[in-house]
Each structure stands twice: as structure tokens, then as C-alpha cells.
């Protein structure tokens, strides 16, 4: 089972905040495409944003956790 994207943003700081919250809650989270966000302007949009991923078996619970945090 591979990693699954549970959050996507065009802002690296937003993605890093979500990753940090997930890790603090016990999830195994990583950011991909973060280097692109630091590169050429507009490139992040071209690749579909910065993505936060977790292992597939954690994806459903991680999405619920993110939604609950967004509702606070």
C-alpha cells in the first residue's frame, strides 16, 4: 500500500502546518512537491500543488482529522 494524498495546497506553509498537526496526532505524514513550491513562480500550480500524504491505511482517519480541524 502506497502513500495517499489527504491534503493539497498551493501554499507550502499551509501544507507544512497540516503535516505537523497530523504528525502530532500520531499519523505518519510527509510533504511532496515542496521543492517545486520553492522554485519558479507558478510551478506549484502547474504540478497540482504541494501535497501532504499518509500511508493508505491511515488516509480515511487523517482526512477526518483534517476536516475536524478545519471546522474549529
N, C-alpha and C. Protein backbone atom coordinates (compact mmCIF):
# COMPACT_ATOMS: atom_id res chain seq x y z
N UNK A 1 0.84 -1.18 0.00
CA UNK A 1 0.00 0.00 0.00
C UNK A 1 0.88 1.24 0.00
N UNK A 2 0.63 2.11 -0.92
CA UNK A 2 1.45 3.31 -1.05
C UNK A 2 0.85 4.51 -0.36
N UNK A 3 1.55 5.63 -0.45
CA UNK A 3 1.05 6.86 0.16
C UNK A 3 -0.15 7.41 -0.58
N UNK A 4 -1.02 8.10 0.17
CA UNK A 4 -2.25 8.69 -0.36
C UNK A 4 -2.27 10.17 0.00
N UNK A 5 -2.64 11.01 -0.95
CA UNK A 5 -2.75 12.44 -0.70
C UNK A 5 -4.02 12.73 0.09
N UNK A 6 -3.86 13.39 1.24
CA UNK A 6 -5.01 13.73 2.08
C UNK A 6 -5.23 15.23 2.15
N UNK A 7 -4.26 16.01 1.65
CA UNK A 7 -4.39 17.47 1.66
C UNK A 7 -3.53 18.02 0.54
N UNK A 8 -4.06 19.07 -0.10
CA UNK A 8 -3.33 19.72 -1.19
C UNK A 8 -3.48 21.22 -1.03
N UNK A 9 -2.39 21.95 -1.26
CA UNK A 9 -2.41 23.40 -1.14
C UNK A 9 -1.42 23.99 -2.14
N UNK A 10 -1.62 25.23 -2.47
CA UNK A 10 -0.66 25.94 -3.31
C UNK A 10 0.28 26.77 -2.44
N UNK A 11 0.15 26.61 -1.13
CA UNK A 11 0.95 27.34 -0.17
C UNK A 11 1.72 26.34 0.69
N UNK A 12 3.03 26.39 0.64
CA UNK A 12 3.86 25.45 1.38
C UNK A 12 3.63 25.55 2.89
N UNK A 13 3.43 26.74 3.40
CA UNK A 13 3.22 26.91 4.84
C UNK A 13 1.95 26.20 5.30
N UNK A 14 0.88 26.27 4.51
CA UNK A 14 -0.36 25.58 4.85
C UNK A 14 -0.15 24.07 4.88
N UNK A 15 0.54 23.56 3.89
CA UNK A 15 0.80 22.12 3.82
C UNK A 15 1.66 21.68 5.00
N UNK A 16 2.65 22.48 5.35
CA UNK A 16 3.53 22.12 6.47
C UNK A 16 2.76 22.14 7.79
N UNK A 17 1.83 23.06 7.95
CA UNK A 17 1.02 23.11 9.16
C UNK A 17 0.16 21.85 9.29
N UNK A 18 -0.46 21.43 8.19
CA UNK A 18 -1.28 20.22 8.21
C UNK A 18 -0.41 19.00 8.50
N UNK A 19 0.74 18.91 7.86
CA UNK A 19 1.66 17.80 8.13
C UNK A 19 2.04 17.75 9.60
N UNK A 20 2.37 18.90 10.15
CA UNK A 20 2.77 18.98 11.55
C UNK A 20 1.64 18.54 12.49
N UNK A 21 0.43 18.98 12.22
CA UNK A 21 -0.72 18.58 13.04
C UNK A 21 -0.97 17.08 12.94
N UNK A 22 -0.86 16.54 11.75
CA UNK A 22 -1.05 15.10 11.57
C UNK A 22 0.00 14.32 12.36
N UNK A 23 1.25 14.73 12.26
CA UNK A 23 2.32 14.04 12.97
C UNK A 23 2.12 14.14 14.48
N UNK A 24 1.68 15.29 14.97
CA UNK A 24 1.44 15.46 16.40
C UNK A 24 0.32 14.55 16.88
N UNK A 25 -0.60 14.21 15.98
CA UNK A 25 -1.73 13.33 16.32
C UNK A 25 -1.37 11.86 16.12
N UNK A 26 -0.14 11.57 15.71
CA UNK A 26 0.30 10.18 15.59
C UNK A 26 0.27 9.60 14.19
N UNK A 27 -0.04 10.41 13.19
CA UNK A 27 -0.04 9.94 11.81
C UNK A 27 1.38 10.00 11.25
N UNK A 28 1.64 9.20 10.24
CA UNK A 28 2.90 9.26 9.51
C UNK A 28 2.63 10.09 8.26
N UNK A 29 3.08 11.34 8.27
CA UNK A 29 2.76 12.26 7.17
C UNK A 29 4.03 12.79 6.53
N UNK A 30 3.94 13.05 5.23
CA UNK A 30 5.06 13.64 4.50
C UNK A 30 4.52 14.61 3.46
N UNK A 31 5.37 15.54 3.09
CA UNK A 31 5.03 16.53 2.06
C UNK A 31 5.77 16.16 0.78
N UNK A 32 5.06 16.22 -0.34
CA UNK A 32 5.73 16.05 -1.63
C UNK A 32 5.49 17.30 -2.47
N UNK A 33 6.36 17.54 -3.39
CA UNK A 33 6.36 18.70 -4.28
C UNK A 33 6.69 19.99 -3.53
N UNK A 34 7.27 19.88 -2.34
CA UNK A 34 7.64 21.08 -1.60
C UNK A 34 8.79 21.83 -2.27
N UNK A 35 9.68 21.10 -2.89
CA UNK A 35 10.80 21.76 -3.57
C UNK A 35 10.30 22.60 -4.74
N UNK A 36 9.28 22.13 -5.42
CA UNK A 36 8.71 22.88 -6.53
C UNK A 36 8.11 24.20 -6.05
N UNK A 37 7.55 24.18 -4.85
CA UNK A 37 6.95 25.41 -4.31
C UNK A 37 8.01 26.48 -4.06
N UNK A 38 9.23 26.04 -3.83
CA UNK A 38 10.31 26.99 -3.58
C UNK A 38 11.02 27.42 -4.86
N UNK A 39 10.70 26.74 -5.96
CA UNK A 39 11.34 27.02 -7.25
C UNK A 39 10.67 28.16 -7.99
N UNK A 40 10.51 27.98 -9.26
CA UNK A 40 9.97 29.01 -10.14
C UNK A 40 8.54 29.36 -9.77
N UNK A 41 8.24 30.64 -9.82
CA UNK A 41 6.90 31.12 -9.52
C UNK A 41 5.88 30.50 -10.48
N UNK A 42 4.79 30.03 -9.94
CA UNK A 42 3.74 29.43 -10.76
C UNK A 42 3.92 27.94 -11.00
N UNK A 43 5.09 27.41 -10.71
CA UNK A 43 5.33 25.99 -10.96
C UNK A 43 4.50 25.10 -10.04
N UNK A 44 4.25 25.56 -8.83
CA UNK A 44 3.45 24.78 -7.88
C UNK A 44 2.06 24.53 -8.46
N UNK A 45 1.49 25.53 -9.09
CA UNK A 45 0.17 25.38 -9.69
C UNK A 45 0.22 24.39 -10.86
N UNK A 46 1.29 24.43 -11.60
CA UNK A 46 1.42 23.54 -12.76
C UNK A 46 1.49 22.07 -12.37
N UNK A 47 2.04 21.77 -11.20
CA UNK A 47 2.17 20.38 -10.78
C UNK A 47 1.04 19.93 -9.86
N UNK A 48 0.06 20.80 -9.64
CA UNK A 48 -1.10 20.42 -8.83
C UNK A 48 -0.96 20.71 -7.36
N UNK A 49 -0.01 21.52 -6.97
CA UNK A 49 0.12 21.94 -5.59
C UNK A 49 1.06 21.10 -4.77
N UNK A 50 1.25 21.55 -3.55
CA UNK A 50 2.05 20.83 -2.57
C UNK A 50 1.10 19.83 -1.91
N UNK A 51 1.53 18.58 -1.76
CA UNK A 51 0.64 17.53 -1.25
C UNK A 51 1.15 16.96 0.06
N UNK A 52 0.20 16.70 0.96
CA UNK A 52 0.51 16.00 2.20
C UNK A 52 -0.03 14.59 2.03
N UNK A 53 0.85 13.63 2.27
CA UNK A 53 0.47 12.22 2.08
C UNK A 53 0.69 11.42 3.36
N UNK A 54 -0.15 10.40 3.51
CA UNK A 54 -0.04 9.45 4.61
C UNK A 54 -0.15 8.05 4.02
N UNK A 55 0.23 7.02 4.78
CA UNK A 55 0.04 5.65 4.29
C UNK A 55 -1.45 5.38 4.05
N UNK A 56 -1.73 4.56 3.07
CA UNK A 56 -3.11 4.29 2.66
C UNK A 56 -4.00 3.88 3.83
N UNK A 57 -3.47 3.08 4.75
CA UNK A 57 -4.29 2.60 5.87
C UNK A 57 -4.64 3.71 6.86
N UNK A 58 -3.98 4.86 6.78
CA UNK A 58 -4.27 5.99 7.67
C UNK A 58 -5.09 7.08 6.98
N UNK A 59 -5.32 6.95 5.68
CA UNK A 59 -5.89 8.04 4.89
C UNK A 59 -7.28 8.47 5.35
N UNK A 60 -8.17 7.54 5.57
CA UNK A 60 -9.54 7.91 5.93
C UNK A 60 -9.57 8.65 7.28
N UNK A 61 -8.84 8.13 8.24
CA UNK A 61 -8.80 8.77 9.55
C UNK A 61 -8.09 10.13 9.48
N UNK A 62 -7.06 10.24 8.67
CA UNK A 62 -6.34 11.51 8.52
C UNK A 62 -7.23 12.57 7.89
N UNK A 63 -8.00 12.19 6.88
CA UNK A 63 -8.92 13.15 6.25
C UNK A 63 -9.96 13.64 7.26
N UNK A 64 -10.49 12.73 8.07
CA UNK A 64 -11.47 13.11 9.09
C UNK A 64 -10.84 14.06 10.10
N UNK A 65 -9.59 13.80 10.47
CA UNK A 65 -8.87 14.66 11.40
C UNK A 65 -8.70 16.06 10.82
N UNK A 66 -8.31 16.14 9.56
CA UNK A 66 -8.12 17.43 8.89
C UNK A 66 -9.44 18.19 8.83
N UNK A 67 -10.52 17.51 8.45
CA UNK A 67 -11.84 18.15 8.38
C UNK A 67 -12.26 18.70 9.73
N UNK A 68 -12.05 17.92 10.78
CA UNK A 68 -12.42 18.37 12.13
C UNK A 68 -11.63 19.61 12.53
N UNK A 69 -10.36 19.64 12.19
CA UNK A 69 -9.54 20.82 12.50
C UNK A 69 -10.00 22.04 11.71
N UNK A 70 -10.46 21.84 10.48
CA UNK A 70 -10.92 22.96 9.65
C UNK A 70 -12.23 23.54 10.17
N UNK A 71 -13.01 22.72 10.88
CA UNK A 71 -14.30 23.17 11.39
C UNK A 71 -14.18 23.92 12.71
N UNK A 72 -13.01 23.83 13.36
CA UNK A 72 -12.81 24.50 14.65
C UNK A 72 -12.75 26.00 14.49
